[in-house]
Amino acid sequence: MTDSRDQRTNEAPQPPRIGRVVLDTSLFVNPDVRKYFGDNPTEALEGFLFLAAQIPILEFYMPPSIFKELLNFIDIEKIPGDLLIILHQKPPSRYEMSCPAFLLYELIEDIRARINKGLRVAEAAVRESGKKDERQIIQDLRKKYREALREGIIDSKEDVDLILLARELDALLVTADRGVIKWAEKLGIKWLFPEKFRDYLLSAIKKAKAVYPTAQS
């Protein structure tokens, strides 16, 4: 009679589960984030792809709308084609996915609160007229108004594409956009601080080498 332990020993090892990562433009464009990969958006993208090429246990995705946005900041001719294919472009299945209804309610409440806050910012600016230089008032108004209405909210179809794709793929989302992070959390989507992304990749490279000892670095 064959020992069950011998059977387990003779079984072929299971291949590792491939992890998935969805990336935002901010990873390569935001100066506070891209510095971990390069001095400018093109160098940052190339630096990331060089590391990603060493990680067969991870797949990297970007919605086409986000990739199109990225093209406005990089020199695509300077990115080697064999590296660029590592970054998969995939749109979310917009007509096949469903989202909890509570998100719509929370989004409406959030927008209403922001509109009221924006109104109060505008009223404060009016009260300052005659007390400060007009140019300074306008600068302050724009800054505070932008903070009131745009920070911490998803305000573009690109933001929605990121969240939906990460949810569809059950992927790790990497972005510096606080609004995207806030709404990703509401949907239970995993996310990572972009400042930690390089360390994450280096750790994944070590893990990949342990799984595939013959992989070239």
Protein backbone atom coordinates (compact mmCIF):
# COMPACT_ATOMS: atom_id res chain seq x y z
CA MET A 1 0.00 0.00 0.00
CA THR A 2 1.43 3.36 -1.02
CA ASP A 3 1.97 5.83 1.77
CA SER A 4 -0.01 9.06 1.22
CA ARG A 5 3.15 10.98 2.10
CA ASP A 6 4.97 9.30 -0.80
CA GLN A 7 2.13 10.28 -3.12
CA ARG A 8 2.45 13.91 -2.08
CA THR A 9 6.23 13.73 -2.57
CA ASN A 10 5.86 12.36 -6.12
CA GLU A 11 3.29 14.95 -7.17
CA ALA A 12 4.57 17.71 -9.46
CA PRO A 13 4.84 21.05 -7.65
CA GLN A 14 2.03 23.43 -8.43
CA PRO A 15 3.03 26.56 -10.38
CA PRO A 16 2.78 29.76 -8.34
CA ARG A 17 -0.36 31.83 -8.66
CA ILE A 18 0.25 34.78 -10.93
CA GLY A 19 -0.40 38.08 -9.16
CA ARG A 20 -1.84 41.05 -10.98
CA VAL A 21 -1.05 44.74 -10.57
CA VAL A 22 -2.92 47.73 -12.02
CA LEU A 23 -0.90 50.92 -12.47
CA ASP A 24 -1.84 54.59 -12.59
CA THR A 25 -0.15 57.37 -14.58
CA SER A 26 0.83 59.10 -11.34
CA LEU A 27 3.41 56.40 -10.71
CA PHE A 28 5.51 57.79 -13.57
CA VAL A 29 4.39 61.42 -13.68
CA ASN A 30 4.18 62.58 -10.06
CA PRO A 31 7.68 63.91 -9.18
CA ASP A 32 7.40 62.69 -5.58
CA VAL A 33 6.77 59.14 -6.81
CA ARG A 34 8.62 58.70 -10.08
CA LYS A 35 11.97 59.54 -8.44
CA TYR A 36 12.17 55.93 -7.27
CA PHE A 37 12.42 54.80 -10.90
CA GLY A 38 13.86 57.73 -12.89
CA ASP A 39 14.40 61.47 -13.19
CA ASN A 40 11.62 62.01 -15.73
CA PRO A 41 8.50 60.13 -16.87
CA THR A 42 10.29 58.30 -19.70
CA GLU A 43 13.15 57.15 -17.48
CA ALA A 44 10.71 56.21 -14.72
CA LEU A 45 8.67 54.00 -17.05
CA GLU A 46 11.78 52.35 -18.47
CA GLY A 47 13.18 51.79 -14.97
CA PHE A 48 9.95 50.14 -13.87
CA LEU A 49 9.76 47.92 -16.96
CA PHE A 50 13.35 46.77 -16.43
CA LEU A 51 12.40 45.50 -12.96
CA ALA A 52 9.03 44.12 -14.08
CA ALA A 53 10.75 42.02 -16.77
CA GLN A 54 12.42 40.04 -13.98
CA ILE A 55 9.15 39.04 -12.30
CA PRO A 56 7.36 36.19 -14.13
CA ILE A 57 5.06 35.72 -11.12
CA LEU A 58 3.39 39.11 -11.67
CA GLU A 59 1.37 40.60 -14.51
CA PHE A 60 1.07 44.36 -14.94
CA TYR A 61 -1.98 46.11 -16.38
CA MET A 62 -3.03 49.61 -17.32
CA PRO A 63 -6.39 50.70 -18.76
CA PRO A 64 -6.02 52.08 -22.33
CA SER A 65 -7.39 55.43 -21.16
CA ILE A 66 -4.59 55.64 -18.59
CA PHE A 67 -1.93 54.52 -21.08
CA LYS A 68 -3.13 57.18 -23.53
CA GLU A 69 -2.78 59.73 -20.75
CA LEU A 70 0.75 58.46 -20.03
CA LEU A 71 1.77 58.95 -23.67
CA ASN A 72 1.38 62.71 -23.18
CA PHE A 73 4.34 62.64 -20.78
CA ILE A 74 6.79 60.09 -22.19
CA ASP A 75 8.91 59.67 -25.32
CA ILE A 76 7.61 56.31 -26.51
CA GLU A 77 10.46 55.97 -29.02
CA LYS A 78 12.95 55.67 -26.14
CA ILE A 79 11.18 52.70 -24.57
CA PRO A 80 12.41 49.32 -25.93
CA GLY A 81 9.56 47.38 -27.49
CA ASP A 82 10.48 44.13 -25.72
CA LEU A 83 10.01 45.93 -22.41
CA LEU A 84 6.84 47.80 -23.35
CA ILE A 85 4.92 44.58 -24.04
CA ILE A 86 5.22 43.76 -20.34
CA LEU A 87 2.61 46.43 -19.61
CA HIS A 88 -0.71 44.95 -20.68
CA GLN A 89 -3.44 47.32 -21.83
CA LYS A 90 -6.90 46.13 -20.88
CA PRO A 91 -10.14 48.05 -20.49
CA PRO A 92 -12.49 47.04 -17.68
CA SER A 93 -15.58 45.06 -18.61
CA ARG A 94 -17.84 48.05 -18.11
CA TYR A 95 -21.02 46.36 -19.33
CA GLU A 96 -20.51 43.14 -17.43
CA MET A 97 -19.53 44.42 -13.97
CA SER A 98 -21.82 45.54 -11.18
CA CYS A 99 -21.10 47.80 -8.23
CA PRO A 100 -22.92 48.08 -4.89
CA ALA A 101 -25.67 50.70 -4.92
CA PHE A 102 -24.33 52.29 -1.73
CA LEU A 103 -21.44 53.71 -3.78
CA LEU A 104 -23.87 55.83 -5.80
CA TYR A 105 -25.47 57.18 -2.63
CA GLU A 106 -22.09 58.00 -1.08
CA LEU A 107 -20.85 59.65 -4.27
CA ILE A 108 -23.92 61.89 -4.43
CA GLU A 109 -23.58 62.85 -0.76
CA ASP A 110 -19.89 63.56 -1.25
CA ILE A 111 -20.52 65.77 -4.28
CA ARG A 112 -23.25 67.69 -2.44
CA ALA A 113 -20.96 68.34 0.55
CA ARG A 114 -18.17 69.48 -1.78
CA ILE A 115 -20.46 71.90 -3.62
CA ASN A 116 -21.48 73.47 -0.32
CA LYS A 117 -17.85 73.69 0.77
CA GLY A 118 -16.93 75.31 -2.55
CA LEU A 119 -19.67 77.86 -2.04
CA ARG A 120 -18.31 78.78 1.37
CA VAL A 121 -14.82 79.17 -0.10
CA ALA A 122 -16.19 81.55 -2.74
CA GLU A 123 -18.09 83.55 -0.12
CA ALA A 124 -14.91 83.90 1.97
CA ALA A 125 -13.07 85.20 -1.09
CA VAL A 126 -15.72 87.85 -1.65
CA ARG A 127 -15.39 89.04 1.93
CA GLU A 128 -11.65 89.45 1.40
CA SER A 129 -12.15 91.77 -1.58
CA GLY A 130 -10.76 95.17 -0.80
CA LYS A 131 -8.58 93.77 1.99
CA LYS A 132 -6.07 91.91 -0.20
CA ASP A 133 -4.57 92.24 -3.64
CA GLU A 134 -7.00 90.94 -6.29
CA ARG A 135 -4.42 88.59 -7.79
CA GLN A 136 -3.69 87.07 -4.37
CA ILE A 137 -7.40 86.60 -3.70
CA ILE A 138 -7.85 84.76 -7.00
CA GLN A 139 -4.84 82.51 -6.34
CA ASP A 140 -6.11 81.63 -2.87
CA LEU A 141 -9.61 81.03 -4.19
CA ARG A 142 -8.42 78.66 -6.91
CA LYS A 143 -6.28 76.68 -4.48
CA LYS A 144 -8.96 76.32 -1.81
CA TYR A 145 -11.70 75.70 -4.38
CA ARG A 146 -9.66 72.92 -5.99
CA GLU A 147 -9.04 71.35 -2.59
CA ALA A 148 -12.73 71.53 -1.74
CA LEU A 149 -14.06 70.04 -4.97
CA ARG A 150 -11.35 67.78 -6.38
CA GLU A 151 -9.12 66.32 -3.68
CA GLY A 152 -10.15 62.87 -2.48
CA ILE A 153 -12.74 62.22 -5.18
CA ILE A 154 -12.90 60.31 -8.44
CA ASP A 155 -13.52 62.99 -11.04
CA SER A 156 -12.61 61.40 -14.37
CA LYS A 157 -13.42 58.31 -16.44
CA GLU A 158 -9.74 57.36 -16.13
CA ASP A 159 -10.16 57.11 -12.35
CA VAL A 160 -13.20 54.88 -12.80
CA ASP A 161 -11.33 52.67 -15.29
CA LEU A 162 -8.55 52.11 -12.74
CA ILE A 163 -10.94 51.10 -9.98
CA LEU A 164 -13.11 48.86 -12.16
CA LEU A 165 -10.14 47.08 -13.74
CA ALA A 166 -8.49 46.44 -10.37
CA ARG A 167 -11.78 45.03 -9.05
CA GLU A 168 -12.34 42.89 -12.13
CA LEU A 169 -8.84 41.36 -11.98
CA ASP A 170 -8.70 41.19 -8.17
CA ALA A 171 -5.44 43.10 -8.62
CA LEU A 172 -3.22 45.26 -6.47
CA LEU A 173 -3.80 48.93 -7.35
CA VAL A 174 -0.80 51.29 -7.31
CA THR A 175 -1.67 54.99 -7.46
CA ALA A 176 -0.83 58.28 -5.78
CA ASP A 177 -4.37 59.62 -6.28
CA ARG A 178 -6.04 59.90 -2.87
CA GLY A 179 -9.48 59.98 -4.42
CA VAL A 180 -8.91 56.69 -6.25
CA ILE A 181 -7.51 55.12 -3.08
CA LYS A 182 -10.51 56.30 -1.04
CA TRP A 183 -13.03 54.74 -3.40
CA ALA A 184 -10.94 51.61 -3.96
CA GLU A 185 -11.10 50.99 -0.21
CA LYS A 186 -14.88 51.20 -0.32
CA LEU A 187 -14.87 48.35 -2.84
CA GLY A 188 -12.36 46.24 -0.93
CA ILE A 189 -9.62 46.66 -3.54
CA LYS A 190 -6.03 46.07 -2.45
CA TRP A 191 -3.74 49.08 -2.92
CA LEU A 192 -0.16 50.03 -2.25
CA PHE A 193 1.58 53.32 -1.48
CA PRO A 194 3.55 54.18 -4.65
CA GLU A 195 6.55 55.09 -2.49
CA LYS A 196 6.74 51.41 -1.51
CA PHE A 197 6.27 50.05 -5.03
CA ARG A 198 9.98 49.70 -5.87
CA ASP A 199 10.56 47.74 -2.66
CA TYR A 200 7.56 45.58 -3.58
CA LEU A 201 9.09 44.83 -6.99
CA LEU A 202 12.53 44.03 -5.55
CA SER A 203 10.91 41.65 -3.06
CA ALA A 204 8.96 40.02 -5.91
CA ILE A 205 12.20 39.57 -7.89
CA LYS A 206 13.73 37.64 -4.98
CA LYS A 207 10.63 35.49 -4.71
CA ALA A 208 10.62 34.83 -8.47
CA LYS A 209 14.26 33.71 -8.34
CA ALA A 210 13.39 31.27 -5.58
CA VAL A 211 10.56 29.84 -7.68
CA TYR A 212 12.48 29.91 -10.96
CA PRO A 213 16.17 29.49 -10.00
CA THR A 214 17.29 29.54 -13.64
CA ALA A 215 15.56 32.88 -14.40
CA GLN A 216 17.97 35.52 -15.65
CA SER A 217 18.20 38.81 -13.72
